[in-house]
Each structure stands twice: as C-alpha cells, then as structure tokens.
Amino acid sequence: AGLLRHGVRALRVGNAHGMNEHTLQSETEGHYRYRDVMHLREMRRYPEAARLLFTIQEKVLESAEVICATCMTAGSDMLAKRTFGCTLLDEATQSTEIATLVPLVDTCRRLVLVGDHRQLPPTILSYKAKLEGLDESLFERFIRLGYPFTMMDIQF
C-alpha cells in the first residue's frame, strides 16, 4: 500500500491473502478484454480463452513498475522468463537459502536482501535438513562469509 500511495504501479502476483486490489487476478478481471475470455469459455472455446487470458496477464504484468511475489511465485512460468533490474527480498533471514535462490535464477541483475539476522530464522521442519545446514538463510551465509551489511536503526 505504501508504494501505491507514492504513485508506483505495484502488482501482487500469487496468493494475495485477502487482498482484493492491485493483484494480478483483480487487474486481469478488470481488463476491458476479460469479458471476451468469459464469453469464449461459455462457448467452450477453451484454447482461445486461455490464449487471450495469457495475453491480458502479460499486458497487466508489463504495465507494473513493481511486482510483488513470494520466492516460489517468482519461479513460476509467468515470472521466470522476465528479467528484473532489481530484486528486493524482504524478511530475507526468514527464507531458506534454497527458496531465496528461486527468484535469482535467470531473472535478477541486482539483489537487495532485507531482514534482521538476529530475529526469526527460516522455519525448517526436517531434523535431517537442519543437520545438513539447510536452516541457514542466504542472508546469514553472506554475513558469515564477511559480506558487508548495514543495520538500520529505524524499524519500518
């Protein structure tokens, strides 16, 4: 909501948890050609409806200045083929290293990790995975390896 207040065209892709506006679904359904998709479906012309829906979603994505998604959604077919000038991963210390890699493969030119390595770590349910070191976030690994980081003194 903060980006929107500043006039940034932000779009949420994936599970929007109760959000009704500025999601890929809401923007797609609000597109002037979406009724054509519904009409094609009613006529049982499913391949044509699917192609038109894809075209509408592409236009909606292209019109966004910022795309908000989970790590896993960033790896979806819809986003995986796109290249982003900057990928900002919020709460990066709560994401497993493996999950963090998903939005970085083939799509990221610059990475910003945001989080507090002294707060919540990634949630790992498998004891064996913990023993293998999979409970460390990429953020924590970078700090351990001596990469520079900045601690903010204001909580947003």
C-alpha atoms as a PDB file:
ATOM      1  CA  ALA A   1       0.000   0.000   0.000  1.00  0.00           C
ATOM      2  CA  GLY A   2       2.927   2.372   0.659  1.00  0.00           C
ATOM      3  CA  LEU A   3       4.169   2.142  -2.921  1.00  0.00           C
ATOM      4  CA  LEU A   4       0.685   2.818  -4.239  1.00  0.00           C
ATOM      5  CA  ARG A   5       0.392   5.952  -2.085  1.00  0.00           C
ATOM      6  CA  HIS A   6       3.512   7.240  -3.811  1.00  0.00           C
ATOM      7  CA  GLY A   7       2.089   6.606  -7.276  1.00  0.00           C
ATOM      8  CA  VAL A   8       4.109   3.461  -8.006  1.00  0.00           C
ATOM      9  CA  ARG A   9       2.239   0.909 -10.127  1.00  0.00           C
ATOM     10  CA  ALA A  10       2.737  -2.129  -7.886  1.00  0.00           C
ATOM     11  CA  LEU A  11       1.173  -5.503  -8.584  1.00  0.00           C
ATOM     12  CA  ARG A  12       0.865  -8.545  -6.300  1.00  0.00           C
ATOM     13  CA  VAL A  13       1.282 -11.885  -8.093  1.00  0.00           C
ATOM     14  CA  GLY A  14       0.388 -15.182  -6.456  1.00  0.00           C
ATOM     15  CA  ASN A  15      -1.638 -15.788  -3.331  1.00  0.00           C
ATOM     16  CA  ALA A  16      -2.744 -12.349  -2.184  1.00  0.00           C
ATOM     17  CA  HIS A  17      -4.169 -13.394   1.236  1.00  0.00           C
ATOM     18  CA  GLY A  18      -7.338 -11.320   1.282  1.00  0.00           C
ATOM     19  CA  MET A  19      -6.119  -8.531  -0.977  1.00  0.00           C
ATOM     20  CA  ASN A  20      -8.749  -7.507  -3.492  1.00  0.00           C
ATOM     21  CA  GLU A  21      -6.989  -4.728  -5.358  1.00  0.00           C
ATOM     22  CA  HIS A  22      -3.729  -4.430  -7.273  1.00  0.00           C
ATOM     23  CA  THR A  23      -3.377  -8.179  -7.704  1.00  0.00           C
ATOM     24  CA  LEU A  24      -2.763  -9.935 -10.994  1.00  0.00           C
ATOM     25  CA  GLN A  25      -6.194 -11.521 -10.665  1.00  0.00           C
ATOM     26  CA  SER A  26      -8.082  -8.298  -9.927  1.00  0.00           C
ATOM     27  CA  GLU A  27      -6.268  -6.344 -12.638  1.00  0.00           C
ATOM     28  CA  THR A  28      -6.849  -9.154 -15.148  1.00  0.00           C
ATOM     29  CA  GLU A  29     -10.541  -9.355 -14.292  1.00  0.00           C
ATOM     30  CA  GLY A  30     -10.786  -5.565 -14.620  1.00  0.00           C
ATOM     31  CA  HIS A  31      -9.210  -5.531 -18.081  1.00  0.00           C
ATOM     32  CA  TYR A  32     -11.596  -4.495 -20.847  1.00  0.00           C
ATOM     33  CA  ARG A  33     -10.972  -7.766 -22.766  1.00  0.00           C
ATOM     34  CA  TYR A  34     -11.639 -10.082 -19.812  1.00  0.00           C
ATOM     35  CA  ARG A  35     -15.335 -10.347 -20.693  1.00  0.00           C
ATOM     36  CA  ASP A  36     -14.195 -11.817 -24.025  1.00  0.00           C
ATOM     37  CA  VAL A  37     -12.356 -14.535 -22.087  1.00  0.00           C
ATOM     38  CA  MET A  38     -15.557 -15.346 -20.204  1.00  0.00           C
ATOM     39  CA  HIS A  39     -17.560 -15.378 -23.436  1.00  0.00           C
ATOM     40  CA  LEU A  40     -15.080 -17.775 -25.072  1.00  0.00           C
ATOM     41  CA  ARG A  41     -15.305 -20.062 -22.046  1.00  0.00           C
ATOM     42  CA  GLU A  42     -19.092 -20.028 -22.219  1.00  0.00           C
ATOM     43  CA  MET A  43     -18.804 -21.084 -25.853  1.00  0.00           C
ATOM     44  CA  ARG A  44     -16.412 -23.875 -24.736  1.00  0.00           C
ATOM     45  CA  ARG A  45     -13.588 -22.388 -26.816  1.00  0.00           C
ATOM     46  CA  TYR A  46     -11.091 -23.062 -24.053  1.00  0.00           C
ATOM     47  CA  PRO A  47      -7.808 -22.830 -26.030  1.00  0.00           C
ATOM     48  CA  GLU A  48      -8.755 -19.399 -27.384  1.00  0.00           C
ATOM     49  CA  ALA A  49      -9.859 -18.272 -23.928  1.00  0.00           C
ATOM     50  CA  ALA A  50      -6.560 -19.441 -22.448  1.00  0.00           C
ATOM     51  CA  ARG A  51      -4.518 -17.591 -25.089  1.00  0.00           C
ATOM     52  CA  LEU A  52      -6.470 -14.377 -24.570  1.00  0.00           C
ATOM     53  CA  LEU A  53      -6.178 -14.688 -20.788  1.00  0.00           C
ATOM     54  CA  PHE A  54      -2.414 -15.142 -21.141  1.00  0.00           C
ATOM     55  CA  THR A  55      -2.207 -12.045 -23.376  1.00  0.00           C
ATOM     56  CA  ILE A  56      -4.176  -9.976 -20.868  1.00  0.00           C
ATOM     57  CA  GLN A  57      -1.993 -11.132 -17.975  1.00  0.00           C
ATOM     58  CA  GLU A  58       1.158 -10.280 -19.945  1.00  0.00           C
ATOM     59  CA  LYS A  59      -0.145  -6.751 -20.556  1.00  0.00           C
ATOM     60  CA  VAL A  60      -1.011  -6.352 -16.862  1.00  0.00           C
ATOM     61  CA  LEU A  61       2.472  -7.533 -15.830  1.00  0.00           C
ATOM     62  CA  GLU A  62       4.164  -5.253 -18.365  1.00  0.00           C
ATOM     63  CA  SER A  63       2.277  -2.236 -17.019  1.00  0.00           C
ATOM     64  CA  ALA A  64       3.537  -2.782 -13.461  1.00  0.00           C
ATOM     65  CA  GLU A  65       6.580  -0.880 -12.207  1.00  0.00           C
ATOM     66  CA  VAL A  66       6.981  -3.204  -9.208  1.00  0.00           C
ATOM     67  CA  ILE A  67       5.931  -6.849  -8.997  1.00  0.00           C
ATOM     68  CA  CYS A  68       5.467  -8.299  -5.514  1.00  0.00           C
ATOM     69  CA  ALA A  69       5.635 -12.066  -5.157  1.00  0.00           C
ATOM     70  CA  THR A  70       6.823 -14.833  -2.885  1.00  0.00           C
ATOM     71  CA  CYS A  71      10.082 -16.572  -3.699  1.00  0.00           C
ATOM     72  CA  MET A  72       8.221 -19.581  -5.082  1.00  0.00           C
ATOM     73  CA  THR A  73       5.853 -17.493  -7.222  1.00  0.00           C
ATOM     74  CA  ALA A  74       8.884 -15.694  -8.660  1.00  0.00           C
ATOM     75  CA  GLY A  75       9.889 -19.035 -10.160  1.00  0.00           C
ATOM     76  CA  SER A  76       6.517 -19.581 -11.839  1.00  0.00           C
ATOM     77  CA  ASP A  77       6.281 -19.730 -15.630  1.00  0.00           C
ATOM     78  CA  MET A  78       4.631 -16.322 -15.603  1.00  0.00           C
ATOM     79  CA  LEU A  79       7.610 -14.578 -13.978  1.00  0.00           C
ATOM     80  CA  ALA A  80      10.569 -16.882 -14.591  1.00  0.00           C
ATOM     81  CA  LYS A  81      11.141 -15.628 -18.138  1.00  0.00           C
ATOM     82  CA  ARG A  82      11.324 -11.967 -17.071  1.00  0.00           C
ATOM     83  CA  THR A  83      14.455 -10.086 -16.119  1.00  0.00           C
ATOM     84  CA  PHE A  84      14.279  -7.579 -13.278  1.00  0.00           C
ATOM     85  CA  GLY A  85      16.666  -4.679 -12.752  1.00  0.00           C
ATOM     86  CA  CYS A  86      16.486  -5.196  -9.007  1.00  0.00           C
ATOM     87  CA  THR A  87      15.153  -7.978  -6.822  1.00  0.00           C
ATOM     88  CA  LEU A  88      14.387  -6.953  -3.250  1.00  0.00           C
ATOM     89  CA  LEU A  89      13.799  -9.830  -0.850  1.00  0.00           C
ATOM     90  CA  ASP A  90      12.043  -8.684   2.311  1.00  0.00           C
ATOM     91  CA  GLU A  91      12.374 -10.747   5.508  1.00  0.00           C
ATOM     92  CA  ALA A  92      15.329 -12.466   3.830  1.00  0.00           C
ATOM     93  CA  THR A  93      16.515 -14.038   7.072  1.00  0.00           C
ATOM     94  CA  GLN A  94      13.249 -15.999   7.317  1.00  0.00           C
ATOM     95  CA  SER A  95      13.665 -17.548   3.879  1.00  0.00           C
ATOM     96  CA  THR A  96      15.711 -20.683   3.370  1.00  0.00           C
ATOM     97  CA  GLU A  97      18.733 -20.345   1.135  1.00  0.00           C
ATOM     98  CA  ILE A  98      17.163 -22.687  -1.416  1.00  0.00           C
ATOM     99  CA  ALA A  99      13.916 -20.664  -1.538  1.00  0.00           C
ATOM    100  CA  THR A 100      15.922 -17.449  -1.897  1.00  0.00           C
ATOM    101  CA  LEU A 101      17.685 -18.802  -4.969  1.00  0.00           C
ATOM    102  CA  VAL A 102      14.414 -19.267  -6.891  1.00  0.00           C
ATOM    103  CA  PRO A 103      13.856 -15.571  -7.766  1.00  0.00           C
ATOM    104  CA  LEU A 104      17.548 -15.129  -8.575  1.00  0.00           C
ATOM    105  CA  VAL A 105      17.881 -17.749 -11.312  1.00  0.00           C
ATOM    106  CA  ASP A 106      17.977 -16.038 -14.732  1.00  0.00           C
ATOM    107  CA  THR A 107      15.893 -13.051 -13.588  1.00  0.00           C
ATOM    108  CA  CYS A 108      17.974 -10.940 -11.203  1.00  0.00           C
ATOM    109  CA  ARG A 109      20.528  -8.271 -12.115  1.00  0.00           C
ATOM    110  CA  ARG A 110      20.846  -6.724  -8.633  1.00  0.00           C
ATOM    111  CA  LEU A 111      19.866  -8.219  -5.275  1.00  0.00           C
ATOM    112  CA  VAL A 112      18.895  -6.455  -2.058  1.00  0.00           C
ATOM    113  CA  LEU A 113      18.324  -8.640   0.994  1.00  0.00           C
ATOM    114  CA  VAL A 114      16.351  -7.016   3.811  1.00  0.00           C
ATOM    115  CA  GLY A 115      15.991  -8.537   7.249  1.00  0.00           C
ATOM    116  CA  ASP A 116      17.451  -8.890  10.707  1.00  0.00           C
ATOM    117  CA  HIS A 117      19.704 -11.905  11.134  1.00  0.00           C
ATOM    118  CA  ARG A 118      19.200 -11.673  14.900  1.00  0.00           C
ATOM    119  CA  GLN A 119      15.459 -12.280  14.643  1.00  0.00           C
ATOM    120  CA  LEU A 120      13.432 -15.153  13.209  1.00  0.00           C
ATOM    121  CA  PRO A 121      15.385 -17.764  11.235  1.00  0.00           C
ATOM    122  CA  PRO A 122      13.886 -19.849   8.417  1.00  0.00           C
ATOM    123  CA  THR A 123      11.335 -22.432   9.523  1.00  0.00           C
ATOM    124  CA  ILE A 124      12.734 -25.900   8.873  1.00  0.00           C
ATOM    125  CA  LEU A 125      10.548 -28.865   9.806  1.00  0.00           C
ATOM    126  CA  SER A 126      13.005 -31.607   8.913  1.00  0.00           C
ATOM    127  CA  TYR A 127      15.553 -32.504  11.572  1.00  0.00           C
ATOM    128  CA  LYS A 128      17.768 -34.066   8.887  1.00  0.00           C
ATOM    129  CA  ALA A 129      17.651 -30.851   6.834  1.00  0.00           C
ATOM    130  CA  LYS A 130      18.778 -28.905   9.908  1.00  0.00           C
ATOM    131  CA  LEU A 131      21.662 -31.305  10.421  1.00  0.00           C
ATOM    132  CA  GLU A 132      22.713 -30.701   6.808  1.00  0.00           C
ATOM    133  CA  GLY A 133      22.764 -26.925   7.391  1.00  0.00           C
ATOM    134  CA  LEU A 134      19.645 -26.081   5.406  1.00  0.00           C
ATOM    135  CA  ASP A 135      18.370 -23.884   8.233  1.00  0.00           C
ATOM    136  CA  GLU A 136      20.728 -21.058   7.293  1.00  0.00           C
ATOM    137  CA  SER A 137      19.392 -18.231   5.143  1.00  0.00           C
ATOM    138  CA  LEU A 138      21.383 -16.790   2.265  1.00  0.00           C
ATOM    139  CA  PHE A 139      21.408 -13.533   4.262  1.00  0.00           C
ATOM    140  CA  GLU A 140      23.072 -15.290   7.225  1.00  0.00           C
ATOM    141  CA  ARG A 141      25.563 -17.070   4.953  1.00  0.00           C
ATOM    142  CA  PHE A 142      26.635 -13.762   3.404  1.00  0.00           C
ATOM    143  CA  ILE A 143      27.192 -12.248   6.855  1.00  0.00           C
ATOM    144  CA  ARG A 144      29.131 -15.322   7.999  1.00  0.00           C
ATOM    145  CA  LEU A 145      31.334 -15.059   4.880  1.00  0.00           C
ATOM    146  CA  GLY A 146      32.107 -11.414   5.614  1.00  0.00           C
ATOM    147  CA  TYR A 147      29.967  -9.639   3.039  1.00  0.00           C
ATOM    148  CA  PRO A 148      29.246  -6.045   4.060  1.00  0.00           C
ATOM    149  CA  PHE A 149      25.839  -5.258   5.530  1.00  0.00           C
ATOM    150  CA  THR A 150      24.144  -2.282   7.123  1.00  0.00           C
ATOM    151  CA  MET A 151      21.974  -2.410  10.229  1.00  0.00           C
ATOM    152  CA  MET A 152      19.162   0.136  10.188  1.00  0.00           C
ATOM    153  CA  ASP A 153      18.329   1.960  13.388  1.00  0.00           C
ATOM    154  CA  ILE A 154      14.681   2.635  12.460  1.00  0.00           C
ATOM    155  CA  GLN A 155      12.002  -0.059  12.279  1.00  0.00           C
ATOM    156  CA  PHE A 156       9.608   0.316   9.332  1.00  0.00           C
END
